[in-house]
């Protein structure tokens, strides 16, 4: 009974890890959207350079956006890495083979003895 409970708990843990992989992927995709917003911010700053804002202020905004992009990329890569690791671990735990005792194959009936030579 104790071994069965342990296997069930490992399979439940595997399912939870698969759900965690989904959450980590969702988090990483949110960071990816943040990166896209920062690229749009850079494009806007470059377009307004010299017209609405000074060149120095535009360069400062671009540098801040690029620093934010690097930070978001790191978090995105960590999120996707965590998702992949938890997905693999979860699938392995769910697919873990059980250690049931194998029944010995039924004994074959003895073959009939060959007839004695004449």
Foldseek 3Di string as FASTA:
>chain_A
DVLVVVLVVLLVLLVVLLVLLVVLLVVLVVLVVVLVVLVVVLVVLVVCDPPPDDVVVSVVSNVVSVVSNVVSVVSSVVSNVSSVVSNVSSVCSNPPDRDDDDDDDDDDPDDDDDDDDD
